[in-house]
Amino acid sequence: MRALCWNGVNDLRVETVADPKILNPKDVILKVGLSTTCGSDLHLIDGLIPTMREGDILGHEFMGEVVEVGAEVTKVKRGDRVVVPSFVSCGECFHCAQEQYSLCDTSHPKPELAEPILGYPTAGIYGYSHAFGGYSGAHAEYVRVPFADVDCFIVPEDVSDETALFISDAAPTGYMGADFCNIQRGDIIAVWGCGGVGLMAQQSAMIMGAEGVIAIDRYPERLAMAEALGAVAIDYTKVDVVELLKELTGGRGPDACIDAVGMEASGQGMEQAYDRVKQALYLETDRGYALRQAMMACRKGGTLSVLGVYGLMDKFPMGMIINKGLTLRSAQQHGQAYVPRLLEHAQRGELTPAPLATHRFSLEDGPKGYDMFKHKTDGCLRAVFAP
């Protein structure tokens, strides 16, 4: 089959590789219908996540059709159209029982690579380095899905492929971030980042009853999408974000702040220059401008919900969390806990992720799609691949 493979920093190639096979009776093989780029993939492409190996297949956000079924699979069958969350989860361990699916104790086949970095292994994730399990990704014609009865969700007929695609990762990540905020009537939620996850966090906060949502970014087309959802849009290059957020919230600050940016945040001034130099010298992996700003802006006693991917950050102002009494909540997405309700929201027209697919490519044009996505040319929000 054909697949989009990592071959080094900023070196992506579409290659012919072996077809996946059933390895466990709980597996299925999926014929990929659509897959998409994700901002966290850029950390792999830029060499900021260790343990990538030449020939690794990228891609963790996808949907498709079941074409082969393991002997112990009972909930899906050949021909089912399904969406799959990005983390591989067994459904039976301690953490899966707590609906903390991205922390699954069972699905990581290479825990010795994760433990030195994290202390404990997380769940495995498709196409996201050997430190996260070494699973083949979904930018391919076919992909193996372990624990299919737990991780495959049948897509209703009235939900489009494009909508289902983003219910794999962007929508559940954003929804989880809003859920972490414990939104109450009258709450104002600020979201850093208007990429796919940020826009889904904004829409999710509205679904959960936030009185107002404020979106922070610098790209006009993304800010326009946030405004179309009903958010107040702020271009951080033109204003003092913290002061404006105080003004918009009567001097108190947002009730919760969601970081949907992560380790490659852009910013202003000396702080941004400092982070860029240290990152270039591999003295830290993260540019933490957006996260630090969210911590500064959040009201006393508020909640900081962190969805961006991070590694090692310098100058993390822990005193701000302590002295302001902030609650910090973070996780990789527990998609299996959210996908059923997201499909219902989509059916009712409350969740509309399909517009995230601004550009569509064949799999053969995968490197071109990632280049456009990375550099945000032609207003590219997400590049979608159809094998």
Protein backbone atom coordinates (compact mmCIF):
# COMPACT_ATOMS: atom_id res chain seq x y z
CA MET A 1 0.00 0.00 0.00
CA ARG A 2 0.99 3.66 -0.22
CA ALA A 3 1.70 5.64 2.94
CA LEU A 4 3.11 9.00 4.04
CA CYS A 5 6.35 8.32 5.91
CA TRP A 6 8.72 10.33 8.12
CA ASN A 7 12.33 10.06 6.94
CA GLY A 8 13.98 12.77 9.02
CA VAL A 9 13.41 16.34 10.13
CA ASN A 10 11.22 18.08 7.52
CA ASP A 11 11.57 15.06 5.22
CA LEU A 12 8.22 13.44 4.33
CA ARG A 13 7.80 10.97 1.46
CA VAL A 14 4.97 8.86 0.10
CA GLU A 15 6.27 5.30 -0.16
CA THR A 16 5.11 1.76 -0.89
CA VAL A 17 5.01 -0.21 2.36
CA ALA A 18 3.60 -3.54 3.54
CA ASP A 19 -0.14 -3.81 4.11
CA PRO A 20 -1.16 -4.10 7.79
CA LYS A 21 -2.28 -7.48 9.09
CA ILE A 22 -4.48 -8.74 11.90
CA LEU A 23 -2.05 -9.38 14.79
CA ASN A 24 -4.54 -9.95 17.57
CA PRO A 25 -8.09 -11.37 17.47
CA LYS A 26 -9.38 -8.03 18.79
CA ASP A 27 -7.98 -6.13 15.76
CA VAL A 28 -9.66 -4.84 12.65
CA ILE A 29 -8.15 -3.51 9.44
CA LEU A 30 -9.58 -0.21 8.26
CA LYS A 31 -9.59 1.09 4.72
CA VAL A 32 -8.85 4.74 5.40
CA GLY A 33 -11.52 7.06 4.02
CA LEU A 34 -10.03 10.35 5.20
CA SER A 35 -7.14 11.39 7.41
CA THR A 36 -5.94 14.85 8.37
CA THR A 37 -2.99 16.84 9.56
CA CYS A 38 -2.75 17.96 13.18
CA GLY A 39 -0.65 20.65 14.79
CA SER A 40 0.98 18.08 17.06
CA ASP A 41 2.31 16.33 13.92
CA LEU A 42 4.46 19.37 13.30
CA HIS A 43 6.39 18.63 16.49
CA LEU A 44 7.37 15.28 14.92
CA ILE A 45 8.23 16.83 11.57
CA ASP A 46 10.35 19.51 13.24
CA GLY A 47 12.27 16.94 15.30
CA LEU A 48 10.98 18.08 18.71
CA ILE A 49 9.59 14.66 19.71
CA PRO A 50 12.28 11.96 20.09
CA THR A 51 12.22 8.30 18.97
CA MET A 52 10.95 8.78 15.43
CA ARG A 53 12.50 6.29 13.01
CA GLU A 54 13.00 6.43 9.28
CA GLY A 55 9.97 5.01 7.48
CA ASP A 56 7.46 5.60 10.31
CA ILE A 57 3.93 6.23 8.97
CA LEU A 58 2.36 9.45 10.24
CA GLY A 59 -1.27 10.27 10.97
CA HIS A 60 -3.49 9.88 14.04
CA GLU A 61 -6.80 11.51 13.04
CA PHE A 62 -8.87 9.38 10.68
CA MET A 63 -12.04 7.52 9.73
CA GLY A 64 -12.81 4.75 7.27
CA GLU A 65 -14.42 1.41 6.46
CA VAL A 66 -13.83 -1.88 8.24
CA VAL A 67 -12.52 -4.40 5.69
CA GLU A 68 -11.12 -7.20 7.89
CA VAL A 69 -12.21 -8.34 11.35
CA GLY A 70 -10.39 -10.31 14.06
CA ALA A 71 -12.00 -13.43 15.49
CA GLU A 72 -12.94 -11.82 18.84
CA VAL A 73 -14.43 -8.59 17.48
CA THR A 74 -18.19 -8.43 18.09
CA LYS A 75 -19.32 -4.78 17.85
CA VAL A 76 -18.21 -3.87 14.34
CA LYS A 77 -18.28 -5.81 11.08
CA ARG A 78 -16.99 -5.58 7.52
CA GLY A 79 -18.49 -2.62 5.71
CA ASP A 80 -19.09 -0.48 8.83
CA ARG A 81 -18.09 3.16 8.49
CA VAL A 82 -16.28 4.08 11.69
CA VAL A 83 -14.31 6.84 13.38
CA VAL A 84 -11.38 5.98 15.64
CA PRO A 85 -9.94 8.16 18.45
CA SER A 86 -6.22 8.79 18.19
CA PHE A 87 -5.24 6.90 21.36
CA VAL A 88 -5.31 3.11 21.47
CA SER A 89 -7.23 1.96 24.54
CA CYS A 90 -8.05 -1.50 25.88
CA GLY A 91 -11.25 -0.59 27.73
CA GLU A 92 -10.49 -2.89 30.66
CA CYS A 93 -7.54 -1.54 32.68
CA PHE A 94 -7.78 0.75 35.73
CA HIS A 95 -7.50 3.97 33.73
CA CYS A 96 -9.92 2.92 31.00
CA ALA A 97 -12.43 2.06 33.76
CA GLN A 98 -12.06 5.68 34.94
CA GLU A 99 -12.64 6.89 31.34
CA GLN A 100 -9.02 8.11 31.22
CA TYR A 101 -8.49 6.38 27.91
CA SER A 102 -5.28 8.12 26.86
CA LEU A 103 -3.67 6.74 30.04
CA CYS A 104 -4.44 3.09 29.19
CA ASP A 105 -2.05 0.68 30.95
CA THR A 106 -2.31 -2.00 28.29
CA SER A 107 -1.91 -0.53 24.82
CA HIS A 108 1.71 0.72 24.93
CA PRO A 109 3.96 -2.08 23.58
CA LYS A 110 7.20 -0.22 24.32
CA PRO A 111 6.88 1.19 27.85
CA GLU A 112 10.64 1.25 28.33
CA LEU A 113 10.81 4.17 25.87
CA ALA A 114 8.18 6.25 27.68
CA GLU A 115 9.04 5.62 31.33
CA PRO A 116 12.36 7.55 31.36
CA ILE A 117 10.55 10.60 29.95
CA LEU A 118 7.18 10.43 31.70
CA GLY A 119 7.64 8.10 34.68
CA TYR A 120 4.85 5.86 33.40
CA PRO A 121 3.83 4.98 29.83
CA THR A 122 0.70 6.51 28.34
CA ALA A 123 -1.61 4.71 25.96
CA GLY A 124 -0.27 4.07 22.50
CA ILE A 125 -1.10 6.55 19.76
CA TYR A 126 -1.20 6.08 16.00
CA GLY A 127 1.74 7.49 14.06
CA TYR A 128 3.32 9.40 16.94
CA SER A 129 6.83 8.06 17.57
CA HIS A 130 8.06 4.97 19.35
CA ALA A 131 7.92 6.75 22.70
CA PHE A 132 4.14 6.57 22.21
CA GLY A 133 4.00 2.95 21.10
CA GLY A 134 5.41 2.89 17.57
CA TYR A 135 1.99 2.25 15.99
CA SER A 136 1.70 2.82 12.27
CA GLY A 137 -0.30 5.90 11.45
CA ALA A 138 -3.31 6.50 9.23
CA HIS A 139 -1.87 8.57 6.39
CA ALA A 140 -2.07 5.35 4.41
CA GLU A 141 -4.48 3.26 2.40
CA TYR A 142 -5.06 0.88 5.33
CA VAL A 143 -4.44 0.92 9.09
CA ARG A 144 -4.63 -1.71 11.83
CA VAL A 145 -6.93 -0.77 14.73
CA PRO A 146 -6.37 -2.79 17.95
CA PHE A 147 -9.14 -3.24 20.55
CA ALA A 148 -11.70 -2.52 17.85
CA ASP A 149 -14.74 -3.06 20.06
CA VAL A 150 -13.53 -0.23 22.31
CA ASP A 151 -11.93 2.10 19.77
CA CYS A 152 -14.19 1.94 16.69
CA PHE A 153 -17.40 3.99 16.68
CA ILE A 154 -19.98 3.49 13.94
CA VAL A 155 -20.77 6.76 12.15
CA PRO A 156 -24.50 7.47 11.71
CA GLU A 157 -25.70 7.80 8.12
CA ASP A 158 -26.55 11.48 8.53
CA VAL A 159 -23.00 12.41 9.67
CA SER A 160 -20.63 13.20 6.80
CA ASP A 161 -17.15 11.75 6.39
CA GLU A 162 -15.59 15.19 7.00
CA THR A 163 -17.52 15.64 10.24
CA ALA A 164 -16.65 12.13 11.41
CA LEU A 165 -12.99 12.72 10.58
CA PHE A 166 -12.61 15.54 13.11
CA ILE A 167 -14.54 13.62 15.76
CA SER A 168 -11.46 11.38 15.80
CA ASP A 169 -9.24 13.97 17.52
CA ALA A 170 -9.80 17.72 17.10
CA ALA A 171 -13.39 17.70 18.37
CA PRO A 172 -12.91 15.40 21.39
CA THR A 173 -9.73 17.24 22.37
CA GLY A 174 -11.48 20.60 22.26
CA TYR A 175 -14.59 19.22 23.97
CA MET A 176 -12.48 17.70 26.74
CA GLY A 177 -10.74 21.04 27.24
CA ALA A 178 -14.09 22.77 27.71
CA ASP A 179 -15.30 19.95 29.95
CA PHE A 180 -12.24 20.47 32.17
CA CYS A 181 -13.43 24.05 32.76
CA ASN A 182 -16.57 22.94 34.66
CA ILE A 183 -18.48 25.69 32.88
CA GLN A 184 -21.20 27.38 34.90
CA ARG A 185 -23.91 29.82 33.85
CA GLY A 186 -22.36 33.22 33.21
CA ASP A 187 -18.79 31.98 32.69
CA ILE A 188 -16.44 33.65 30.23
CA ILE A 189 -13.95 31.28 28.58
CA ALA A 190 -10.80 32.43 26.76
CA VAL A 191 -9.17 30.12 24.22
CA TRP A 192 -5.63 30.55 22.94
CA GLY A 193 -5.40 29.23 19.38
CA CYS A 194 -7.90 29.10 16.52
CA GLY A 195 -6.63 25.96 14.86
CA GLY A 196 -8.81 22.89 14.69
CA VAL A 197 -8.62 22.08 18.41
CA GLY A 198 -9.05 25.71 19.48
CA LEU A 199 -12.13 26.20 17.31
CA MET A 200 -13.63 22.98 18.63
CA ALA A 201 -12.91 24.08 22.21
CA GLN A 202 -14.70 27.36 21.51
CA GLN A 203 -17.73 25.65 20.02
CA SER A 204 -17.78 23.10 22.84
CA ALA A 205 -17.71 25.83 25.49
CA MET A 206 -20.76 27.37 23.83
CA ILE A 207 -22.52 23.99 23.76
CA MET A 208 -21.82 23.65 27.49
CA GLY A 209 -23.42 27.01 28.24
CA ALA A 210 -20.63 29.57 28.47
CA GLU A 211 -21.98 33.12 28.44
CA GLY A 212 -19.08 34.28 26.30
CA VAL A 213 -16.06 32.87 24.49
CA ILE A 214 -12.97 34.88 23.57
CA ALA A 215 -10.63 33.55 20.87
CA ILE A 216 -6.96 34.58 20.62
CA ASP A 217 -4.85 34.10 17.47
CA ARG A 218 -3.08 36.18 14.81
CA TYR A 219 -4.30 34.78 11.48
CA PRO A 220 -7.25 36.77 10.08
CA GLU A 221 -8.94 33.78 8.42
CA ARG A 222 -8.85 31.79 11.67
CA LEU A 223 -10.12 34.69 13.74
CA ALA A 224 -12.93 35.06 11.20
CA MET A 225 -13.88 31.41 11.72
CA ALA A 226 -13.96 31.98 15.48
CA GLU A 227 -16.21 34.99 15.02
CA ALA A 228 -18.50 32.94 12.77
CA LEU A 229 -18.91 30.48 15.65
CA GLY A 230 -19.92 33.37 17.95
CA ALA A 231 -16.64 34.12 19.73
CA VAL A 232 -15.07 37.51 20.34
CA ALA A 233 -11.83 37.41 18.33
CA ILE A 234 -8.54 39.01 19.47
CA ASP A 235 -5.44 39.44 17.32
CA TYR A 236 -2.66 39.20 19.89
CA THR A 237 -0.23 41.11 17.65
CA LYS A 238 -2.35 44.27 17.86
CA VAL A 239 -3.33 44.51 21.53
CA ASP A 240 -2.17 43.79 25.07
CA VAL A 241 -4.10 40.54 25.48
CA VAL A 242 -4.08 40.40 29.28
CA GLU A 243 -5.28 44.01 29.64
CA LEU A 244 -7.99 43.56 27.00
CA LEU A 245 -9.23 40.37 28.69
CA LYS A 246 -9.53 42.28 31.96
CA GLU A 247 -11.48 44.99 30.18
CA LEU A 248 -13.83 42.45 28.57
CA THR A 249 -14.49 40.73 31.91
CA GLY A 250 -15.05 43.74 34.17
CA GLY A 251 -11.50 43.63 35.51
CA ARG A 252 -11.76 40.09 36.85
CA GLY A 253 -10.29 37.99 34.04
CA PRO A 254 -11.75 34.95 32.25
CA ASP A 255 -13.25 32.24 34.45
CA ALA A 256 -11.23 29.63 32.56
CA CYS A 257 -8.46 29.75 30.00
CA ILE A 258 -7.83 27.01 27.45
CA ASP A 259 -4.40 26.60 25.83
CA ALA A 260 -4.92 25.00 22.42
CA VAL A 261 -1.50 26.02 21.10
CA GLY A 262 1.33 24.00 22.64
CA MET A 263 5.08 23.92 22.40
CA GLU A 264 5.57 25.92 19.20
CA ALA A 265 3.65 29.03 20.24
CA SER A 266 4.41 32.34 18.56
CA GLY A 267 4.44 35.55 20.55
CA GLN A 268 5.89 39.01 20.96
CA GLY A 269 8.95 40.66 22.47
CA MET A 270 11.91 39.41 24.48
CA GLU A 271 10.08 36.44 25.97
CA GLN A 272 9.48 35.02 22.51
CA ALA A 273 13.08 35.70 21.47
CA TYR A 274 14.34 33.96 24.61
CA ASP A 275 12.23 30.85 23.93
CA ARG A 276 13.26 30.67 20.28
CA VAL A 277 16.97 30.81 21.12
CA LYS A 278 16.72 28.16 23.83
CA GLN A 279 14.62 25.92 21.58
CA ALA A 280 17.09 26.28 18.70
CA LEU A 281 19.93 25.28 21.05
CA TYR A 282 17.88 22.31 22.39
CA LEU A 283 18.06 23.78 25.91
CA GLU A 284 14.27 23.46 26.04
CA THR A 285 11.70 21.92 23.70
CA ASP A 286 8.89 24.40 24.28
CA ARG A 287 8.02 27.95 23.41
CA GLY A 288 5.58 28.63 26.24
CA TYR A 289 4.35 32.11 25.32
CA ALA A 290 0.66 31.21 25.00
CA LEU A 291 0.55 29.11 28.18
CA ARG A 292 2.27 31.76 30.29
CA GLN A 293 -0.10 34.40 28.94
CA ALA A 294 -3.13 32.24 29.73
CA MET A 295 -1.86 31.77 33.29
CA MET A 296 -1.41 35.52 33.68
CA ALA A 297 -4.85 36.32 32.26
CA CYS A 298 -6.96 33.76 34.15
CA ARG A 299 -8.95 35.15 37.05
CA LYS A 300 -8.08 34.26 40.63
CA GLY A 301 -9.55 30.88 41.51
CA GLY A 302 -10.08 30.10 37.83
CA THR A 303 -9.24 27.05 35.75
CA LEU A 304 -6.38 26.58 33.31
CA SER A 305 -7.13 23.83 30.77
CA VAL A 306 -4.05 22.78 28.80
CA LEU A 307 -4.60 20.91 25.52
CA GLY A 308 -1.38 21.84 23.70
CA VAL A 309 1.40 19.25 23.51
CA TYR A 310 4.41 20.11 25.69
CA GLY A 311 7.77 18.65 26.57
CA LEU A 312 10.36 20.61 28.60
CA MET A 313 9.50 24.25 29.30
CA ASP A 314 11.80 26.82 30.89
CA LYS A 315 10.53 29.71 33.05
CA PHE A 316 7.25 28.02 34.06
CA PRO A 317 5.67 30.45 36.59
CA MET A 318 4.42 27.98 39.17
CA GLY A 319 4.05 30.79 41.71
CA MET A 320 1.29 32.23 39.56
CA ILE A 321 -0.74 29.04 39.90
CA ILE A 322 -0.22 28.89 43.67
CA ASN A 323 -0.82 32.53 44.52
CA LYS A 324 -3.85 32.92 42.25
CA GLY A 325 -5.35 29.61 43.37
CA LEU A 326 -5.64 28.30 39.83
CA THR A 327 -6.81 24.80 39.02
CA LEU A 328 -4.66 23.23 36.31
CA ARG A 329 -6.21 20.42 34.28
CA SER A 330 -4.60 18.69 31.34
CA ALA A 331 -4.54 15.42 29.43
CA GLN A 332 -4.17 13.95 26.03
CA GLN A 333 -7.67 13.42 24.72
CA HIS A 334 -9.84 10.70 26.26
CA GLY A 335 -11.67 10.34 22.96
CA GLN A 336 -13.58 7.16 23.71
CA ALA A 337 -15.38 9.00 26.52
CA TYR A 338 -16.58 11.78 24.22
CA VAL A 339 -17.09 10.39 20.71
CA PRO A 340 -20.67 9.09 21.26
CA ARG A 341 -21.95 12.43 22.56
CA LEU A 342 -20.05 14.32 19.86
CA LEU A 343 -21.74 12.25 17.17
CA GLU A 344 -25.07 13.17 18.78
CA HIS A 345 -24.15 16.87 18.85
CA ALA A 346 -23.20 16.60 15.18
CA GLN A 347 -26.50 14.95 14.30
CA ARG A 348 -28.37 17.82 15.99
CA GLY A 349 -26.29 20.41 14.16
CA GLU A 350 -24.76 21.73 17.41
CA LEU A 351 -21.22 20.66 16.50
CA THR A 352 -19.96 21.58 13.03
CA PRO A 353 -16.33 20.48 12.54
CA ALA A 354 -16.48 19.86 8.76
CA PRO A 355 -15.42 23.47 7.86
CA LEU A 356 -12.02 22.71 9.42
CA ALA A 357 -11.24 20.82 6.18
CA THR A 358 -10.11 23.84 4.20
CA HIS A 359 -7.85 21.92 1.78
CA ARG A 360 -8.13 18.41 0.35
CA PHE A 361 -5.34 16.37 -1.24
CA SER A 362 -4.70 12.89 -2.52
CA LEU A 363 -2.40 10.84 -0.32
CA GLU A 364 0.27 11.14 -3.00
CA ASP A 365 0.30 14.89 -2.38
CA GLY A 366 0.76 14.41 1.37
CA PRO A 367 4.11 16.26 1.59
CA LYS A 368 2.60 19.23 -0.26
CA GLY A 369 -0.39 19.20 2.09
CA TYR A 370 1.81 19.21 5.18
CA ASP A 371 3.96 22.01 3.79
CA MET A 372 0.86 24.13 3.19
CA PHE A 373 -0.51 23.24 6.65
CA LYS A 374 2.77 23.99 8.41
CA HIS A 375 3.28 27.37 6.77
CA LYS A 376 -0.46 28.23 6.79
CA THR A 377 -0.38 29.28 3.15
CA ASP A 378 -3.61 29.94 1.26
CA GLY A 379 -5.46 30.07 4.57
CA CYS A 380 -4.89 26.37 5.23
CA LEU A 381 -6.49 25.37 8.55
CA ARG A 382 -6.39 21.60 8.03
CA ALA A 383 -5.18 19.54 5.07
CA VAL A 384 -7.28 16.40 4.50
CA PHE A 385 -5.99 13.35 2.63
CA ALA A 386 -8.14 10.90 0.69
CA PRO A 387 -6.16 7.73 -0.17
